[in-house]
C-alpha atoms as a PDB file:
ATOM      1  CA  MET A   1     -14.523  53.342 -44.267  1.00  0.00           C
ATOM      2  CA  ARG A   2     -16.301  54.561 -41.128  1.00  0.00           C
ATOM      3  CA  LEU A   3     -14.190  57.230 -39.421  1.00  0.00           C
ATOM      4  CA  ALA A   4     -14.630  59.144 -36.185  1.00  0.00           C
ATOM      5  CA  SER A   5     -14.663  62.936 -36.408  1.00  0.00           C
ATOM      6  CA  SER A   6     -12.103  63.152 -33.609  1.00  0.00           C
ATOM      7  CA  VAL A   7      -9.796  60.936 -31.559  1.00  0.00           C
ATOM      8  CA  THR A   8      -8.196  61.438 -28.131  1.00  0.00           C
ATOM      9  CA  ILE A   9      -4.514  60.563 -27.709  1.00  0.00           C
ATOM     10  CA  ASN A  10      -3.156  59.469 -24.330  1.00  0.00           C
ATOM     11  CA  GLU A  11       0.625  59.922 -24.460  1.00  0.00           C
ATOM     12  CA  VAL A  12       2.430  57.156 -22.547  1.00  0.00           C
ATOM     13  CA  GLY A  13       6.038  57.841 -23.525  1.00  0.00           C
ATOM     14  CA  LEU A  14       7.106  59.177 -20.137  1.00  0.00           C
ATOM     15  CA  ARG A  15       5.916  55.930 -18.525  1.00  0.00           C
ATOM     16  CA  ASP A  16       5.553  52.974 -20.881  1.00  0.00           C
ATOM     17  CA  GLY A  17       8.018  54.471 -23.330  1.00  0.00           C
ATOM     18  CA  LEU A  18      10.872  54.942 -20.875  1.00  0.00           C
ATOM     19  CA  GLN A  19      10.532  51.748 -18.853  1.00  0.00           C
ATOM     20  CA  LEU A  20      12.646  49.718 -21.302  1.00  0.00           C
ATOM     21  CA  GLU A  21      15.333  52.357 -21.763  1.00  0.00           C
ATOM     22  CA  SER A  22      18.750  51.638 -20.274  1.00  0.00           C
ATOM     23  CA  LYS A  23      19.258  55.343 -19.615  1.00  0.00           C
ATOM     24  CA  ILE A  24      17.350  56.630 -16.581  1.00  0.00           C
ATOM     25  CA  LEU A  25      16.168  60.159 -17.306  1.00  0.00           C
ATOM     26  CA  SER A  26      16.477  62.871 -14.687  1.00  0.00           C
ATOM     27  CA  VAL A  27      13.471  64.922 -13.616  1.00  0.00           C
ATOM     28  CA  GLU A  28      14.865  67.815 -15.650  1.00  0.00           C
ATOM     29  CA  GLU A  29      15.097  65.682 -18.810  1.00  0.00           C
ATOM     30  CA  LYS A  30      11.575  64.388 -18.323  1.00  0.00           C
ATOM     31  CA  MET A  31      10.382  67.964 -17.746  1.00  0.00           C
ATOM     32  CA  THR A  32      11.902  68.983 -21.069  1.00  0.00           C
ATOM     33  CA  ILE A  33       9.878  66.331 -22.901  1.00  0.00           C
ATOM     34  CA  TYR A  34       6.758  67.068 -20.862  1.00  0.00           C
ATOM     35  CA  HIS A  35       6.826  70.770 -21.747  1.00  0.00           C
ATOM     36  CA  LEU A  36       7.243  69.981 -25.456  1.00  0.00           C
ATOM     37  CA  LEU A  37       4.245  67.632 -25.269  1.00  0.00           C
ATOM     38  CA  LYS A  38       2.211  70.241 -23.401  1.00  0.00           C
ATOM     39  CA  ARG A  39       3.146  72.896 -25.955  1.00  0.00           C
ATOM     40  CA  SER A  40       1.932  70.495 -28.680  1.00  0.00           C
ATOM     41  CA  ASN A  41      -1.497  70.366 -26.991  1.00  0.00           C
ATOM     42  CA  VAL A  42      -1.365  66.677 -26.061  1.00  0.00           C
ATOM     43  CA  PRO A  43      -4.550  66.249 -23.960  1.00  0.00           C
ATOM     44  CA  GLU A  44      -3.560  63.293 -21.755  1.00  0.00           C
ATOM     45  CA  ILE A  45      -0.121  62.315 -20.453  1.00  0.00           C
ATOM     46  CA  GLU A  46       0.733  59.203 -18.450  1.00  0.00           C
ATOM     47  CA  PHE A  47       3.685  60.783 -16.689  1.00  0.00           C
ATOM     48  CA  GLY A  48       5.015  57.864 -14.625  1.00  0.00           C
ATOM     49  CA  SER A  49       4.207  55.098 -12.180  1.00  0.00           C
ATOM     50  CA  PHE A  50       4.333  54.452  -8.454  1.00  0.00           C
ATOM     51  CA  VAL A  51       5.996  51.055  -8.572  1.00  0.00           C
ATOM     52  CA  HIS A  52       8.909  49.827  -6.480  1.00  0.00           C
ATOM     53  CA  PRO A  53      12.079  51.465  -7.887  1.00  0.00           C
ATOM     54  CA  ARG A  54      13.904  48.144  -7.718  1.00  0.00           C
ATOM     55  CA  LEU A  55      11.476  46.688 -10.271  1.00  0.00           C
ATOM     56  CA  VAL A  56      11.344  49.659 -12.659  1.00  0.00           C
ATOM     57  CA  PRO A  57      14.140  52.099 -11.747  1.00  0.00           C
ATOM     58  CA  GLN A  58      13.248  54.339 -14.692  1.00  0.00           C
ATOM     59  CA  MET A  59      10.119  55.383 -12.762  1.00  0.00           C
ATOM     60  CA  ALA A  60      11.775  56.098  -9.405  1.00  0.00           C
ATOM     61  CA  ASN A  61      11.464  59.880  -9.810  1.00  0.00           C
ATOM     62  CA  SER A  62       7.790  59.915 -10.894  1.00  0.00           C
ATOM     63  CA  GLY A  63       6.737  61.631  -7.669  1.00  0.00           C
ATOM     64  CA  GLU A  64       9.340  64.366  -8.122  1.00  0.00           C
ATOM     65  CA  LEU A  65       8.186  64.879 -11.710  1.00  0.00           C
ATOM     66  CA  PHE A  66       4.534  65.162 -10.715  1.00  0.00           C
ATOM     67  CA  ALA A  67       5.404  67.727  -8.064  1.00  0.00           C
ATOM     68  CA  GLN A  68       6.796  69.911 -10.872  1.00  0.00           C
ATOM     69  CA  ILE A  69       3.874  69.553 -13.293  1.00  0.00           C
ATOM     70  CA  GLN A  70       0.768  69.126 -11.128  1.00  0.00           C
ATOM     71  CA  GLU A  71      -0.271  72.782 -11.361  1.00  0.00           C
ATOM     72  CA  ASN A  72      -0.860  72.423 -15.092  1.00  0.00           C
ATOM     73  CA  LYS A  73      -4.593  71.857 -15.521  1.00  0.00           C
ATOM     74  CA  GLU A  74      -4.754  71.914 -19.319  1.00  0.00           C
ATOM     75  CA  GLU A  75      -4.194  68.176 -19.701  1.00  0.00           C
ATOM     76  CA  LYS A  76      -5.052  65.023 -17.795  1.00  0.00           C
ATOM     77  CA  LEU A  77      -2.078  63.645 -15.866  1.00  0.00           C
ATOM     78  CA  VAL A  78      -2.190  59.887 -15.263  1.00  0.00           C
ATOM     79  CA  ALA A  79      -0.058  57.642 -13.064  1.00  0.00           C
ATOM     80  CA  LEU A  80       0.197  53.862 -13.304  1.00  0.00           C
ATOM     81  CA  ILE A  81      -0.335  52.096  -9.970  1.00  0.00           C
ATOM     82  CA  PRO A  82       0.419  48.396  -9.313  1.00  0.00           C
ATOM     83  CA  ASN A  83      -1.345  47.995  -5.973  1.00  0.00           C
ATOM     84  CA  LEU A  84      -2.947  49.775  -3.009  1.00  0.00           C
ATOM     85  CA  LYS A  85       0.403  51.083  -1.786  1.00  0.00           C
ATOM     86  CA  GLY A  86       0.961  52.722  -5.171  1.00  0.00           C
ATOM     87  CA  LEU A  87      -2.541  54.203  -5.096  1.00  0.00           C
ATOM     88  CA  GLU A  88      -1.969  55.587  -1.612  1.00  0.00           C
ATOM     89  CA  ARG A  89       1.281  57.163  -2.799  1.00  0.00           C
ATOM     90  CA  ALA A  90      -0.526  58.702  -5.791  1.00  0.00           C
ATOM     91  CA  LYS A  91      -3.201  60.098  -3.471  1.00  0.00           C
ATOM     92  CA  GLU A  92      -0.549  61.611  -1.166  1.00  0.00           C
ATOM     93  CA  MET A  93       1.016  63.348  -4.179  1.00  0.00           C
ATOM     94  CA  GLY A  94      -2.344  64.723  -5.308  1.00  0.00           C
ATOM     95  CA  VAL A  95      -2.736  62.624  -8.482  1.00  0.00           C
ATOM     96  CA  ARG A  96      -6.360  62.671  -9.625  1.00  0.00           C
ATOM     97  CA  THR A  97      -6.287  59.912 -12.294  1.00  0.00           C
ATOM     98  CA  VAL A  98      -4.601  56.514 -11.988  1.00  0.00           C
ATOM     99  CA  ASN A  99      -4.255  53.492 -14.237  1.00  0.00           C
ATOM    100  CA  PHE A 100      -4.248  49.952 -12.829  1.00  0.00           C
ATOM    101  CA  VAL A 101      -2.803  47.324 -15.175  1.00  0.00           C
ATOM    102  CA  PHE A 102      -3.326  43.593 -15.060  1.00  0.00           C
ATOM    103  CA  SER A 103      -3.402  40.843 -17.677  1.00  0.00           C
ATOM    104  CA  ALA A 104      -6.173  38.805 -19.220  1.00  0.00           C
ATOM    105  CA  SER A 105      -3.562  36.062 -19.503  1.00  0.00           C
ATOM    106  CA  ASN A 106      -2.982  34.337 -16.173  1.00  0.00           C
ATOM    107  CA  THR A 107       0.598  33.381 -17.115  1.00  0.00           C
ATOM    108  CA  HIS A 108       1.544  36.916 -18.143  1.00  0.00           C
ATOM    109  CA  ASN A 109      -0.043  38.373 -15.015  1.00  0.00           C
ATOM    110  CA  LEU A 110       2.018  36.050 -12.835  1.00  0.00           C
ATOM    111  CA  GLN A 111       5.163  37.193 -14.667  1.00  0.00           C
ATOM    112  CA  ASN A 112       4.184  40.852 -14.525  1.00  0.00           C
ATOM    113  CA  VAL A 113       2.698  41.393 -11.049  1.00  0.00           C
ATOM    114  CA  ARG A 114       3.125  37.997  -9.366  1.00  0.00           C
ATOM    115  CA  GLN A 115      -0.614  37.481  -9.057  1.00  0.00           C
ATOM    116  CA  SER A 116      -3.139  35.402 -10.944  1.00  0.00           C
ATOM    117  CA  THR A 117      -5.686  37.314 -13.006  1.00  0.00           C
ATOM    118  CA  GLN A 118      -8.333  36.434 -10.427  1.00  0.00           C
ATOM    119  CA  GLU A 119      -6.133  37.734  -7.617  1.00  0.00           C
ATOM    120  CA  SER A 120      -5.712  41.024  -9.481  1.00  0.00           C
ATOM    121  CA  LEU A 121      -9.484  41.282  -9.784  1.00  0.00           C
ATOM    122  CA  GLY A 122      -9.590  40.876  -6.013  1.00  0.00           C
ATOM    123  CA  THR A 123      -7.029  43.672  -5.644  1.00  0.00           C
ATOM    124  CA  LEU A 124      -9.152  45.844  -7.922  1.00  0.00           C
ATOM    125  CA  LYS A 125     -12.075  45.654  -5.510  1.00  0.00           C
ATOM    126  CA  THR A 126      -9.949  47.300  -2.815  1.00  0.00           C
ATOM    127  CA  LEU A 127      -8.495  49.860  -5.246  1.00  0.00           C
ATOM    128  CA  ALA A 128     -11.912  50.822  -6.593  1.00  0.00           C
ATOM    129  CA  GLN A 129     -13.277  51.464  -3.114  1.00  0.00           C
ATOM    130  CA  TYR A 130     -10.231  53.546  -2.145  1.00  0.00           C
ATOM    131  CA  ALA A 131     -10.402  55.562  -5.379  1.00  0.00           C
ATOM    132  CA  THR A 132     -14.118  56.228  -4.889  1.00  0.00           C
ATOM    133  CA  ASP A 133     -13.597  57.290  -1.269  1.00  0.00           C
ATOM    134  CA  HIS A 134     -10.875  59.766  -2.295  1.00  0.00           C
ATOM    135  CA  ASP A 135     -12.447  61.067  -5.529  1.00  0.00           C
ATOM    136  CA  ILE A 136      -9.747  59.584  -7.772  1.00  0.00           C
ATOM    137  CA  SER A 137     -10.594  58.532 -11.325  1.00  0.00           C
ATOM    138  CA  LEU A 138      -9.634  54.893 -11.860  1.00  0.00           C
ATOM    139  CA  HIS A 139      -8.663  53.581 -15.293  1.00  0.00           C
ATOM    140  CA  ILE A 140      -8.031  49.909 -16.048  1.00  0.00           C
ATOM    141  CA  ALA A 141      -5.609  48.633 -18.692  1.00  0.00           C
ATOM    142  CA  LEU A 142      -6.274  44.998 -19.558  1.00  0.00           C
ATOM    143  CA  ALA A 143      -2.958  43.677 -20.855  1.00  0.00           C
ATOM    144  CA  THR A 144      -2.679  40.799 -23.376  1.00  0.00           C
ATOM    145  CA  SER A 145      -6.277  41.406 -24.495  1.00  0.00           C
ATOM    146  CA  PHE A 146      -5.486  40.184 -28.003  1.00  0.00           C
ATOM    147  CA  GLY A 147      -2.790  37.611 -27.334  1.00  0.00           C
ATOM    148  CA  CYS A 148      -0.154  36.381 -24.894  1.00  0.00           C
ATOM    149  CA  PRO A 149       3.436  35.326 -25.681  1.00  0.00           C
ATOM    150  CA  PHE A 150       3.034  32.441 -23.235  1.00  0.00           C
ATOM    151  CA  GLU A 151      -0.582  31.327 -23.830  1.00  0.00           C
ATOM    152  CA  GLY A 152      -1.253  32.417 -27.416  1.00  0.00           C
ATOM    153  CA  THR A 153      -4.582  33.850 -28.576  1.00  0.00           C
ATOM    154  CA  ILE A 154      -6.931  35.039 -25.831  1.00  0.00           C
ATOM    155  CA  ALA A 155     -10.549  33.966 -26.356  1.00  0.00           C
ATOM    156  CA  PRO A 156     -12.866  36.958 -26.991  1.00  0.00           C
ATOM    157  CA  GLN A 157     -15.413  35.583 -24.527  1.00  0.00           C
ATOM    158  CA  HIS A 158     -12.727  35.659 -21.816  1.00  0.00           C
ATOM    159  CA  ILE A 159     -12.247  39.383 -22.475  1.00  0.00           C
ATOM    160  CA  MET A 160     -16.000  39.951 -22.425  1.00  0.00           C
ATOM    161  CA  ASN A 161     -16.299  38.100 -19.105  1.00  0.00           C
ATOM    162  CA  ILE A 162     -13.510  40.146 -17.510  1.00  0.00           C
ATOM    163  CA  THR A 163     -15.043  43.359 -18.847  1.00  0.00           C
ATOM    164  CA  GLU A 164     -18.394  42.474 -17.320  1.00  0.00           C
ATOM    165  CA  GLU A 165     -16.693  41.885 -13.972  1.00  0.00           C
ATOM    166  CA  LEU A 166     -14.771  45.164 -14.206  1.00  0.00           C
ATOM    167  CA  LEU A 167     -17.941  47.135 -14.818  1.00  0.00           C
ATOM    168  CA  GLN A 168     -19.207  46.208 -11.361  1.00  0.00           C
ATOM    169  CA  TYR A 169     -16.848  48.877 -10.007  1.00  0.00           C
ATOM    170  CA  GLU A 170     -16.660  52.650 -10.420  1.00  0.00           C
ATOM    171  CA  ILE A 171     -14.181  52.736 -13.280  1.00  0.00           C
ATOM    172  CA  LYS A 172     -13.805  55.641 -15.691  1.00  0.00           C
ATOM    173  CA  ARG A 173     -12.086  53.827 -18.591  1.00  0.00           C
ATOM    174  CA  ILE A 174     -11.034  50.373 -19.740  1.00  0.00           C
ATOM    175  CA  THR A 175      -8.112  50.122 -22.167  1.00  0.00           C
ATOM    176  CA  TYR A 176      -7.586  46.908 -24.126  1.00  0.00           C
ATOM    177  CA  ALA A 177      -3.840  46.460 -24.559  1.00  0.00           C
ATOM    178  CA  ASP A 178      -2.020  44.494 -27.248  1.00  0.00           C
ATOM    179  CA  THR A 179       0.962  44.083 -24.949  1.00  0.00           C
ATOM    180  CA  THR A 180       3.285  42.220 -27.309  1.00  0.00           C
ATOM    181  CA  GLY A 181       1.992  43.274 -30.729  1.00  0.00           C
ATOM    182  CA  MET A 182       0.058  40.083 -31.514  1.00  0.00           C
ATOM    183  CA  ALA A 183      -3.235  41.650 -32.653  1.00  0.00           C
ATOM    184  CA  ASN A 184      -4.430  41.835 -36.255  1.00  0.00           C
ATOM    185  CA  PRO A 185      -7.005  44.291 -37.668  1.00  0.00           C
ATOM    186  CA  LYS A 186      -9.823  41.762 -38.128  1.00  0.00           C
ATOM    187  CA  GLN A 187      -9.372  40.484 -34.579  1.00  0.00           C
ATOM    188  CA  VAL A 188      -9.378  44.056 -33.258  1.00  0.00           C
ATOM    189  CA  TYR A 189     -12.454  45.034 -35.264  1.00  0.00           C
ATOM    190  CA  ASP A 190     -14.413  41.958 -34.187  1.00  0.00           C
ATOM    191  CA  LEU A 191     -13.646  42.265 -30.466  1.00  0.00           C
ATOM    192  CA  MET A 192     -14.051  46.038 -30.259  1.00  0.00           C
ATOM    193  CA  THR A 193     -17.317  45.898 -32.197  1.00  0.00           C
ATOM    194  CA  GLN A 194     -18.596  43.333 -29.705  1.00  0.00           C
ATOM    195  CA  VAL A 195     -17.463  45.402 -26.715  1.00  0.00           C
ATOM    196  CA  SER A 196     -18.865  48.676 -28.095  1.00  0.00           C
ATOM    197  CA  ALA A 197     -22.228  47.081 -28.903  1.00  0.00           C
ATOM    198  CA  GLU A 198     -22.558  45.432 -25.487  1.00  0.00           C
ATOM    199  CA  TRP A 199     -21.703  48.527 -23.419  1.00  0.00           C
ATOM    200  CA  LYS A 200     -22.552  51.533 -25.585  1.00  0.00           C
ATOM    201  CA  SER A 201     -22.188  54.279 -22.976  1.00  0.00           C
ATOM    202  CA  PHE A 202     -18.856  53.256 -21.407  1.00  0.00           C
ATOM    203  CA  GLU A 203     -15.451  54.770 -22.203  1.00  0.00           C
ATOM    204  CA  PHE A 204     -13.187  52.226 -23.908  1.00  0.00           C
ATOM    205  CA  ALA A 205      -9.692  52.715 -25.320  1.00  0.00           C
ATOM    206  CA  CYS A 206      -6.980  50.690 -27.062  1.00  0.00           C
ATOM    207  CA  HIS A 207      -3.233  50.369 -26.588  1.00  0.00           C
ATOM    208  CA  PHE A 208      -1.333  48.891 -29.521  1.00  0.00           C
ATOM    209  CA  HIS A 209       2.268  47.931 -30.134  1.00  0.00           C
ATOM    210  CA  ASN A 210       3.826  47.983 -33.578  1.00  0.00           C
ATOM    211  CA  THR A 211       6.061  44.995 -32.834  1.00  0.00           C
ATOM    212  CA  ARG A 212       4.991  43.169 -35.983  1.00  0.00           C
ATOM    213  CA  GLY A 213       4.093  46.205 -38.076  1.00  0.00           C
ATOM    214  CA  MET A 214       0.301  46.120 -37.548  1.00  0.00           C
ATOM    215  CA  GLY A 215      -0.142  48.851 -34.949  1.00  0.00           C
ATOM    216  CA  MET A 216      -1.477  51.568 -37.263  1.00  0.00           C
ATOM    217  CA  ALA A 217      -3.784  49.165 -39.089  1.00  0.00           C
ATOM    218  CA  ASN A 218      -5.119  48.035 -35.724  1.00  0.00           C
ATOM    219  CA  ILE A 219      -5.894  51.637 -34.765  1.00  0.00           C
ATOM    220  CA  ASN A 220      -7.916  52.053 -37.963  1.00  0.00           C
ATOM    221  CA  ALA A 221      -9.783  48.806 -37.267  1.00  0.00           C
ATOM    222  CA  ALA A 222     -10.578  49.982 -33.726  1.00  0.00           C
ATOM    223  CA  ILE A 223     -11.822  53.359 -35.014  1.00  0.00           C
ATOM    224  CA  GLU A 224     -14.150  51.573 -37.432  1.00  0.00           C
ATOM    225  CA  ALA A 225     -15.446  49.577 -34.456  1.00  0.00           C
ATOM    226  CA  GLY A 226     -16.228  52.746 -32.516  1.00  0.00           C
ATOM    227  CA  ILE A 227     -13.121  53.296 -30.349  1.00  0.00           C
ATOM    228  CA  THR A 228     -11.911  56.905 -30.186  1.00  0.00           C
ATOM    229  CA  ILE A 229      -9.256  56.874 -27.434  1.00  0.00           C
ATOM    230  CA  PHE A 230      -5.759  55.498 -28.035  1.00  0.00           C
ATOM    231  CA  ASP A 231      -2.495  55.238 -26.132  1.00  0.00           C
ATOM    232  CA  SER A 232       0.678  56.067 -28.036  1.00  0.00           C
ATOM    233  CA  SER A 233       4.307  56.762 -27.213  1.00  0.00           C
ATOM    234  CA  LEU A 234       6.486  59.598 -28.461  1.00  0.00           C
ATOM    235  CA  GLY A 235       9.041  58.259 -30.921  1.00  0.00           C
ATOM    236  CA  GLY A 236       7.502  54.778 -30.756  1.00  0.00           C
ATOM    237  CA  ILE A 237       9.634  53.765 -27.770  1.00  0.00           C
ATOM    238  CA  GLY A 238       8.672  51.355 -25.010  1.00  0.00           C
ATOM    239  CA  GLY A 239       7.177  47.977 -24.278  1.00  0.00           C
ATOM    240  CA  CYS A 240       6.669  45.509 -21.462  1.00  0.00           C
ATOM    241  CA  PRO A 241       9.799  44.525 -19.471  1.00  0.00           C
ATOM    242  CA  PHE A 242       8.154  41.274 -18.355  1.00  0.00           C
ATOM    243  CA  ALA A 243       7.385  39.692 -21.750  1.00  0.00           C
ATOM    244  CA  PRO A 244       9.792  38.531 -24.473  1.00  0.00           C
ATOM    245  CA  GLY A 245       9.812  40.659 -27.621  1.00  0.00           C
ATOM    246  CA  ALA A 246       7.350  43.250 -26.326  1.00  0.00           C
ATOM    247  CA  THR A 247       8.875  46.274 -28.009  1.00  0.00           C
ATOM    248  CA  GLY A 248       7.467  49.088 -30.049  1.00  0.00           C
ATOM    249  CA  ASN A 249       4.465  51.118 -28.876  1.00  0.00           C
ATOM    250  CA  VAL A 250       2.689  52.864 -31.724  1.00  0.00           C
ATOM    251  CA  CYS A 251       4.455  56.154 -32.328  1.00  0.00           C
ATOM    252  CA  THR A 252       2.528  59.279 -31.312  1.00  0.00           C
ATOM    253  CA  GLU A 253       3.696  61.516 -34.135  1.00  0.00           C
ATOM    254  CA  ASP A 254       3.048  58.760 -36.694  1.00  0.00           C
ATOM    255  CA  VAL A 255      -0.476  58.207 -35.325  1.00  0.00           C
ATOM    256  CA  VAL A 256      -1.279  61.925 -35.329  1.00  0.00           C
ATOM    257  CA  HIS A 257       0.126  62.285 -38.857  1.00  0.00           C
ATOM    258  CA  MET A 258      -2.033  59.398 -40.100  1.00  0.00           C
ATOM    259  CA  LEU A 259      -5.165  60.798 -38.460  1.00  0.00           C
ATOM    260  CA  ASP A 260      -4.458  64.294 -39.801  1.00  0.00           C
ATOM    261  CA  GLU A 261      -4.115  62.883 -43.324  1.00  0.00           C
ATOM    262  CA  MET A 262      -7.436  61.048 -42.901  1.00  0.00           C
ATOM    263  CA  GLY A 263      -9.252  64.157 -41.674  1.00  0.00           C
ATOM    264  CA  VAL A 264      -9.669  62.877 -38.101  1.00  0.00           C
ATOM    265  CA  GLN A 265      -9.127  65.639 -35.551  1.00  0.00           C
ATOM    266  CA  THR A 266      -6.750  65.246 -32.595  1.00  0.00           C
ATOM    267  CA  ASN A 267      -6.144  68.968 -31.900  1.00  0.00           C
ATOM    268  CA  ILE A 268      -2.455  68.111 -31.473  1.00  0.00           C
ATOM    269  CA  ASP A 269       0.288  70.138 -33.154  1.00  0.00           C
ATOM    270  CA  LEU A 270       2.196  67.635 -35.281  1.00  0.00           C
ATOM    271  CA  ASP A 271       5.161  69.952 -35.827  1.00  0.00           C
ATOM    272  CA  GLY A 272       5.485  70.275 -32.068  1.00  0.00           C
ATOM    273  CA  LEU A 273       5.423  66.487 -31.683  1.00  0.00           C
ATOM    274  CA  ILE A 274       8.167  66.110 -34.258  1.00  0.00           C
ATOM    275  CA  GLN A 275      10.264  68.607 -32.335  1.00  0.00           C
ATOM    276  CA  ALA A 276       9.595  66.670 -29.109  1.00  0.00           C
ATOM    277  CA  SER A 277      10.577  63.392 -30.747  1.00  0.00           C
ATOM    278  CA  MET A 278      13.821  64.876 -32.048  1.00  0.00           C
ATOM    279  CA  LYS A 279      14.624  66.137 -28.550  1.00  0.00           C
ATOM    280  CA  LEU A 280      13.836  62.719 -27.064  1.00  0.00           C
ATOM    281  CA  LYS A 281      16.229  61.107 -29.536  1.00  0.00           C
ATOM    282  CA  GLU A 282      18.926  63.559 -28.460  1.00  0.00           C
ATOM    283  CA  ILE A 283      18.329  62.841 -24.752  1.00  0.00           C
ATOM    284  CA  LEU A 284      18.263  59.050 -25.160  1.00  0.00           C
ATOM    285  CA  GLY A 285      21.234  59.036 -27.487  1.00  0.00           C
ATOM    286  CA  HIS A 286      19.887  56.567 -30.040  1.00  0.00           C
ATOM    287  CA  ASP A 287      17.587  56.383 -33.044  1.00  0.00           C
ATOM    288  CA  LEU A 288      13.823  56.017 -32.447  1.00  0.00           C
ATOM    289  CA  PRO A 289      11.348  53.791 -34.341  1.00  0.00           C
ATOM    290  CA  GLY A 290       9.056  56.616 -35.513  1.00  0.00           C
ATOM    291  CA  GLN A 291       8.795  57.200 -39.275  1.00  0.00           C
ATOM    292  CA  VAL A 292       7.431  60.727 -39.766  1.00  0.00           C
ATOM    293  CA  VAL A 293      10.495  62.276 -38.131  1.00  0.00           C
ATOM    294  CA  LYS A 294      12.666  60.490 -40.682  1.00  0.00           C
ATOM    295  CA  ALA A 295      10.537  60.901 -43.815  1.00  0.00           C
ATOM    296  CA  GLY A 296       8.753  64.173 -43.092  1.00  0.00           C
ATOM    297  CA  LYS A 297       5.024  64.859 -43.330  1.00  0.00           C
ATOM    298  CA  SER A 298       3.146  63.778 -46.446  1.00  0.00           C
ATOM    299  CA  THR A 299       2.483  67.448 -47.179  1.00  0.00           C
ATOM    300  CA  ARG A 300       6.203  68.170 -47.397  1.00  0.00           C
ATOM    301  CA  ARG A 301       7.374  69.032 -50.906  1.00  0.00           C
ATOM    302  CA  TYR A 302      10.904  68.586 -52.210  1.00  0.00           C
ATOM    303  CA  PRO A 303      12.564  70.548 -55.003  1.00  0.00           C
ATOM    304  CA  VAL A 304      12.524  68.789 -58.371  1.00  0.00           C
ATOM    305  CA  PRO A 305      16.055  67.527 -59.185  1.00  0.00           C
ATOM    306  CA  SER A 306      17.670  69.528 -61.964  1.00  0.00           C
END
């Protein structure tokens, strides 16, 4: 098995994780989770999004949250933006890294952002120019890269074609997202190997859901293909509100535990993550999908029954 020496985790719980929750967290509650993540040495945090509050009310206080945390320079703080208005709002707040999401699947993109995939590529041209002019790092998340609940499997060549078009612009990172948990490890390995071989010097990442129980296996397949950056969500919460059955981001503490056991460095304090996950459960008021919090670390030893 070909393993990377280290992997970077981009924590998306405060954005992707919370957008399906019925409870809308206050700035103070989000700050509590943020500080626990920061204390655990999480290097990248997607803290929220600048979308219309009517569409995703859970993100309405993202600007207030950023105002409280922007002085912290130890980690990268990322905001999701849906359009130029969102990017302008991020710029006004002083956000230095933004993530623009659109779908490889035309049907899903119409459901998600009310644009065709080609129209979103047109929007990207404007966003890329604005980001360049204002020294903002632009990330792209390509949703439904491995499958769409409406269209089925997405052809690998379609992903390659979109990637080639994206690379015309000044983009820092492209993340291939398994938006509804349809990917399998062989599919992930094949596509990511192709992408990594074609564009060796570019920064690629993956975003997996554990909807059908293959999220962790897909991370391992992506690592073998050369990917070393992954999104994950504290407690395993989250999903896409615009696609049926799109629950279950891969759980951050479970991912870090797996990588620790395999000897792959993340530089994240797992005990701190477990504490953060337990606090998140308390705030949300319901059980979370993560497993390590329930079972304990593999290194944990129990007394022998008498």
